[in-house]
Structure formats: structure tokens, C-alpha cells
Amino acid sequence: MPTIGISMIAHNEERQIANALKSALFADDIVVVNCESADKTAEIVKGFEKVRLFDRPNNKNLNVNKSFGFEQLKTDWIFYLDPDEIITPELAEEIKTVINSEAKHSAYKLPRKNIFFGRWLAHGSQYPDTQLRLFKRGQAAFANQHVHEMLKVDGSIGHLKQAFEHHPYPEIADYLRKMIFYTGFQAEFWHNSGLSDGLFNTLRHLFFRPYFRFLRRYLLKQGFRDGWQGFVAAAGDAFQNVFSYARFLELRSRK
């Protein structure tokens, strides 16, 4: 019978990681890579007998430690899960059904429900937010170049019907904290890639791209139907590009 392993990386996730691990207990093996957490993350993980814990440096490119986690699993299939995500019982059953039925594909995509500040965002391009998370061991990998890169799959990709939950921002403070991290990573990526800070890129990233991203998400994709949470999500997405480029310009000025 095919086996399923779940991999997770964590940095200061004491508030949410227990719920993620509870939802993963259907798996045959669970690996958590603790990335220099200064809170009770490691202590909470050790409370789950089924989970294997590894300690690694907190690499800014999260995919480096995700790849390390994959390497620790010897199961036939791997599912990557973030500490702020939850596998529903319905999804767990679908996963088991798929891998036990001579799956035709090397990997599977599935929908994700993003829950911002307590509300599921069903509009504004926030759903289905399709993610590639389930794959046969050895048939998918990250290039480890960018924090938002996709898994590269050797083979065909199928689709699951059931969604999993994503709770990235229980509070506004969480949103701001993560925005600081992601804008800093993007700024460094642009800087190291040799992006020009000329007039074209400046207008593109400080005005045109943020404006049209907000217009698309909030109006065309009806983000306004998700209340104030939908507005903050659309506006935050636009301003994240502004702040990323501003931090890039800040790095350039220090040369």
C-alpha cells in the first residue's frame, strides 16, 4: 500500500502549528524542519509522538529548507504543508483514495481557501488559489532560487477536488510582519539579479503594476464582496509591490 509523508518548515509558529499537525496525523510520516524558532514551536512539535523534528538555519529562501524536509521522507508520496495551513478531513480522505488507486499522475494540484483576519476570501483572485502540494517522492523539486517559485514536476499533473485551509493572517499585525519579510526578500532578489532602477521600472513598480493589480483584484475579480478584509487583501497586494521596489531602491542607494 502506498505511503504518504507530510513535510513542514516552521519559524516561530507556536500559535498555529498544533492545528496544522493535528490535521496531518493521518499521514504515515511527518517531518518538521524548525528554522531557529525563538518561541515554543519546537516544544509543541515534540509533543506529537508521530512527528520527527529537525533543526536548520533560518534561510531567507524558504524553499531551501522545504527541500531539506522532502529529503528526510522515504514515503511513496509527499505533501507539503505550511504551519498556518490545515488539511480538512475531506481532503485527507481524497488524498488517501488517490494514492491508493494507482494514481495516473506524478503530482496533484488542489484548491486552497485563504482566510484573512477570520474571513474566507472567496473573491478577488483569492480562490481557488490552486496549489501544487502532493507529489510522488523524487518526481518534483524546487529550483531553490526564489521564495515564491513553483515545484517543478517530472511527469503529468492531476487535480484534487477538496480544498485545504490557509490561515496566514489571524490579525493585522501578522500581515504587516510577513509583508516586511517578503518585501525584503523580493528587494534583495531584484538587487542580486541586476534589475535596473531606470524610469521604466520605477514607473512600472511604483505606479502602474500596483494600480492595475488593485483594480483587477478589488473590482474586476470582485474582492469588494469580501468586506473590509477583501479591501485590505487587495490593497496590501498592491502596496507590497510598491514597498518591495522601494526597498530595492534603498539597497541600490547604499552601493
Protein backbone atom coordinates (compact mmCIF):
# COMPACT_ATOMS: atom_id res chain seq x y z
CA MET A 1 0.00 0.00 0.00
CA PRO A 2 1.47 3.42 -0.98
CA THR A 3 2.60 5.62 1.91
CA ILE A 4 2.16 9.37 2.38
CA GLY A 5 4.51 11.73 4.22
CA ILE A 6 3.94 15.35 5.19
CA SER A 7 6.74 17.91 5.33
CA MET A 8 6.62 21.29 7.06
CA ILE A 9 9.04 24.09 7.92
CA ALA A 10 8.48 26.43 10.84
CA HIS A 11 9.86 29.65 12.30
CA ASN A 12 8.13 30.99 15.41
CA GLU A 13 4.81 29.28 14.68
CA GLU A 14 3.68 28.43 18.21
CA ARG A 15 0.23 29.97 17.65
CA GLN A 16 -0.84 27.76 14.75
CA ILE A 17 1.43 24.76 14.24
CA ALA A 18 -0.52 22.45 16.59
CA ASN A 19 -3.64 22.73 14.42
CA ALA A 20 -1.61 22.01 11.29
CA LEU A 21 0.00 18.93 12.85
CA LYS A 22 -3.33 17.59 14.14
CA SER A 23 -4.71 17.78 10.61
CA ALA A 24 -1.69 15.84 9.31
CA LEU A 25 -1.88 12.86 11.66
CA PHE A 26 -3.47 10.66 9.00
CA ALA A 27 -0.07 10.51 7.25
CA ASP A 28 2.44 7.67 7.63
CA ASP A 29 5.31 10.04 8.45
CA ILE A 30 5.53 13.73 9.36
CA VAL A 31 8.67 15.88 9.28
CA VAL A 32 9.00 19.38 10.73
CA VAL A 33 12.08 21.48 9.98
CA ASN A 34 12.46 24.03 12.78
CA CYS A 35 14.21 27.13 11.44
CA GLU A 36 15.71 28.82 14.51
CA SER A 37 12.40 29.42 16.27
CA ALA A 38 12.73 31.50 19.42
CA ASP A 39 9.28 30.63 20.77
CA LYS A 40 7.67 27.32 21.81
CA THR A 41 7.43 25.89 18.29
CA ALA A 42 9.93 23.06 18.91
CA GLU A 43 8.35 22.23 22.28
CA ILE A 44 4.90 21.93 20.69
CA VAL A 45 6.21 19.74 17.88
CA LYS A 46 7.92 17.40 20.35
CA GLY A 47 4.51 16.83 21.93
CA PHE A 48 3.46 14.89 18.82
CA GLU A 49 4.98 11.39 19.02
CA LYS A 50 4.49 10.77 15.32
CA VAL A 51 6.45 13.84 14.21
CA ARG A 52 10.19 13.93 13.51
CA LEU A 53 11.87 17.26 14.25
CA PHE A 54 14.97 18.67 12.53
CA ASP A 55 16.79 21.93 13.23
CA ARG A 56 18.15 24.07 10.41
CA PRO A 57 19.34 27.70 9.94
CA ASN A 58 16.54 30.11 9.06
CA ASN A 59 17.34 30.56 5.36
CA LYS A 60 15.55 33.55 3.80
CA ASN A 61 14.77 31.40 0.78
CA LEU A 62 12.20 29.17 2.44
CA ASN A 63 12.37 26.60 -0.35
CA VAL A 64 15.88 25.55 0.70
CA ASN A 65 14.55 24.17 3.97
CA LYS A 66 11.43 22.82 2.28
CA SER A 67 13.72 20.79 0.02
CA PHE A 68 15.61 19.53 3.08
CA GLY A 69 12.33 18.37 4.58
CA PHE A 70 11.45 16.44 1.42
CA GLU A 71 14.79 14.66 1.59
CA GLN A 72 14.03 13.32 5.08
CA LEU A 73 10.90 11.50 3.93
CA LYS A 74 11.08 7.99 2.47
CA THR A 75 7.36 7.64 1.79
CA ASP A 76 5.97 6.99 -1.69
CA TRP A 77 4.15 10.32 -1.72
CA ILE A 78 4.87 13.71 -0.16
CA PHE A 79 2.52 16.55 0.75
CA TYR A 80 3.99 19.92 1.73
CA LEU A 81 2.04 21.81 4.41
CA ASP A 82 2.75 25.20 5.98
CA PRO A 83 2.27 25.68 9.75
CA ASP A 84 -0.63 28.07 9.07
CA GLU A 85 -2.48 25.57 6.88
CA ILE A 86 -4.95 22.80 7.71
CA ILE A 87 -5.79 19.62 5.82
CA THR A 88 -9.52 19.03 6.19
CA PRO A 89 -10.81 15.50 6.90
CA GLU A 90 -12.42 15.51 3.44
CA LEU A 91 -9.10 16.31 1.78
CA ALA A 92 -7.28 13.68 3.84
CA GLU A 93 -9.73 11.06 2.57
CA GLU A 94 -9.32 12.21 -1.02
CA ILE A 95 -5.53 12.05 -0.75
CA LYS A 96 -5.65 8.50 0.58
CA THR A 97 -8.09 7.47 -2.13
CA VAL A 98 -5.94 8.94 -4.91
CA ILE A 99 -2.62 7.42 -3.85
CA ASN A 100 -4.24 4.03 -3.21
CA SER A 101 -5.90 3.84 -6.62
CA GLU A 102 -2.84 3.56 -8.85
CA ALA A 103 -2.61 7.30 -9.41
CA LYS A 104 -2.07 8.23 -13.04
CA HIS A 105 -0.13 11.42 -12.33
CA SER A 106 3.21 12.34 -10.79
CA ALA A 107 1.75 15.26 -8.83
CA TYR A 108 -1.55 16.89 -7.96
CA LYS A 109 -2.80 20.44 -7.60
CA LEU A 110 -5.66 21.39 -5.31
CA PRO A 111 -7.63 24.47 -4.27
CA ARG A 112 -6.75 26.48 -1.16
CA LYS A 113 -9.07 28.64 0.93
CA ASN A 114 -7.31 31.80 2.15
CA ILE A 115 -8.73 33.04 5.43
CA PHE A 116 -7.68 36.62 6.22
CA PHE A 117 -8.48 38.12 9.65
CA GLY A 118 -11.07 35.42 10.28
CA ARG A 119 -12.85 35.59 6.90
CA TRP A 120 -12.59 33.25 3.93
CA LEU A 121 -11.83 35.33 0.83
CA ALA A 122 -13.95 33.76 -1.89
CA HIS A 123 -13.28 36.53 -4.44
CA GLY A 124 -10.55 38.93 -5.55
CA SER A 125 -8.44 36.14 -7.13
CA GLN A 126 -8.05 34.60 -3.67
CA TYR A 127 -9.94 31.42 -4.57
CA PRO A 128 -9.37 28.73 -5.71
CA ASP A 129 -5.69 29.77 -5.33
CA THR A 130 -4.61 26.44 -6.82
CA GLN A 131 -1.50 24.94 -5.20
CA LEU A 132 0.76 22.05 -6.23
CA ARG A 133 1.43 20.19 -2.99
CA LEU A 134 1.05 16.45 -3.48
CA PHE A 135 3.68 14.57 -5.47
CA LYS A 136 5.48 11.25 -5.81
CA ARG A 137 8.80 11.24 -3.99
CA GLY A 138 11.63 12.07 -6.35
CA GLN A 139 9.38 13.46 -9.09
CA ALA A 140 9.10 17.10 -8.01
CA ALA A 141 11.58 19.66 -6.65
CA PHE A 142 12.22 23.37 -6.13
CA ALA A 143 14.91 25.20 -8.05
CA ASN A 144 15.67 26.98 -4.74
CA GLN A 145 16.06 30.36 -6.43
CA HIS A 146 13.03 32.32 -5.25
CA VAL A 147 10.71 32.08 -2.26
CA HIS A 148 7.59 32.07 -4.48
CA GLU A 149 8.77 29.61 -7.12
CA MET A 150 6.67 26.58 -8.06
CA LEU A 151 7.64 22.95 -7.73
CA LYS A 152 8.99 21.56 -10.99
CA VAL A 153 7.40 18.21 -11.77
CA ASP A 154 8.80 15.34 -13.78
CA GLY A 155 5.59 13.95 -15.25
CA SER A 156 1.91 14.79 -15.56
CA ILE A 157 -0.14 16.79 -13.06
CA GLY A 158 -3.66 15.96 -11.92
CA HIS A 159 -6.20 17.84 -9.79
CA LEU A 160 -7.87 17.14 -6.47
CA LYS A 161 -11.34 18.50 -5.69
CA GLN A 162 -11.16 19.12 -1.95
CA ALA A 163 -9.57 22.33 -0.65
CA PHE A 164 -7.24 22.87 2.28
CA GLU A 165 -7.33 25.91 4.54
CA HIS A 166 -4.77 28.70 4.80
CA HIS A 167 -4.79 30.98 7.88
CA PRO A 168 -1.84 33.32 7.13
CA TYR A 169 -3.09 36.42 8.91
CA PRO A 170 -5.16 35.90 12.06
CA GLU A 171 -4.51 39.57 12.88
CA ILE A 172 -3.40 42.73 11.04
CA ALA A 173 -0.06 42.60 12.87
CA ASP A 174 0.67 39.22 11.25
CA TYR A 175 0.03 40.72 7.83
CA LEU A 176 2.44 43.59 8.42
CA ARG A 177 5.13 41.31 9.85
CA LYS A 178 5.03 38.95 6.88
CA MET A 179 4.95 41.86 4.43
CA ILE A 180 8.25 43.10 5.89
CA PHE A 181 9.78 39.67 5.29
CA TYR A 182 8.51 39.18 1.73
CA THR A 183 9.30 42.72 0.55
CA GLY A 184 12.82 42.38 1.90
CA PHE A 185 13.36 39.08 0.11
CA GLN A 186 11.98 40.46 -3.17
CA ALA A 187 14.15 43.59 -2.92
CA GLU A 188 17.28 41.50 -2.40
CA PHE A 189 16.29 39.18 -5.26
CA TRP A 190 15.89 42.13 -7.66
CA HIS A 191 19.13 43.67 -6.42
CA ASN A 192 21.13 40.46 -6.84
CA SER A 193 19.53 39.84 -10.26
CA GLY A 194 20.75 43.19 -11.55
CA LEU A 195 17.35 44.79 -12.07
CA SER A 196 17.63 48.31 -13.46
CA ASP A 197 16.30 51.21 -11.39
CA GLY A 198 15.60 53.28 -14.51
CA LEU A 199 12.48 55.30 -15.22
CA PHE A 200 10.59 52.44 -16.87
CA ASN A 201 10.96 50.02 -13.94
CA THR A 202 10.34 52.77 -11.42
CA LEU A 203 7.02 53.75 -13.03
CA ARG A 204 6.11 50.10 -13.51
CA HIS A 205 6.66 49.01 -9.92
CA LEU A 206 5.67 52.16 -8.04
CA PHE A 207 2.57 53.05 -10.05
CA PHE A 208 1.32 51.00 -12.99
CA ARG A 209 1.65 47.47 -11.61
CA PRO A 210 0.20 48.24 -8.15
CA TYR A 211 -2.66 50.26 -9.66
CA PHE A 212 -3.73 47.56 -12.11
CA ARG A 213 -3.28 44.74 -9.58
CA PHE A 214 -5.61 46.52 -7.17
CA LEU A 215 -8.10 47.30 -9.96
CA ARG A 216 -8.12 43.68 -11.09
CA ARG A 217 -8.41 42.11 -7.64
CA TYR A 218 -10.82 44.51 -5.96
CA LEU A 219 -13.12 45.48 -8.83
CA LEU A 220 -12.79 43.08 -11.76
CA LYS A 221 -12.43 39.98 -9.54
CA GLN A 222 -14.98 41.38 -7.04
CA GLY A 223 -12.80 41.50 -3.97
CA PHE A 224 -15.24 44.09 -2.62
CA ARG A 225 -17.66 41.23 -1.93
CA ASP A 226 -15.39 40.03 0.89
CA GLY A 227 -15.91 43.08 3.10
CA TRP A 228 -13.12 45.10 4.64
CA GLN A 229 -10.91 42.00 4.63
CA GLY A 230 -11.21 41.89 0.84
CA PHE A 231 -10.17 45.52 0.56
CA VAL A 232 -7.14 45.08 2.82
CA ALA A 233 -6.09 41.98 0.87
CA ALA A 234 -6.31 43.78 -2.49
CA ALA A 235 -4.67 46.97 -1.23
CA GLY A 236 -1.95 45.04 0.59
CA ASP A 237 -1.15 43.05 -2.53
CA ALA A 238 -0.72 46.29 -4.49
CA PHE A 239 1.36 48.05 -1.85
CA GLN A 240 3.58 45.01 -1.36
CA ASN A 241 4.94 45.63 -4.84
CA VAL A 242 5.46 49.33 -4.01
CA PHE A 243 7.35 48.57 -0.81
CA SER A 244 9.39 45.80 -2.45
CA TYR A 245 10.61 48.22 -5.10
CA ALA A 246 11.17 50.98 -2.55
CA ARG A 247 13.36 48.64 -0.52
CA PHE A 248 15.16 47.68 -3.74
CA LEU A 249 15.87 51.37 -4.37
CA GLU A 250 17.10 51.67 -0.80
CA LEU A 251 19.55 48.81 -1.40
CA ARG A 252 20.74 50.42 -4.64
CA SER A 253 21.37 53.73 -2.86
CA ARG A 254 23.74 52.02 -0.43
CA LYS A 255 26.12 50.88 -3.19
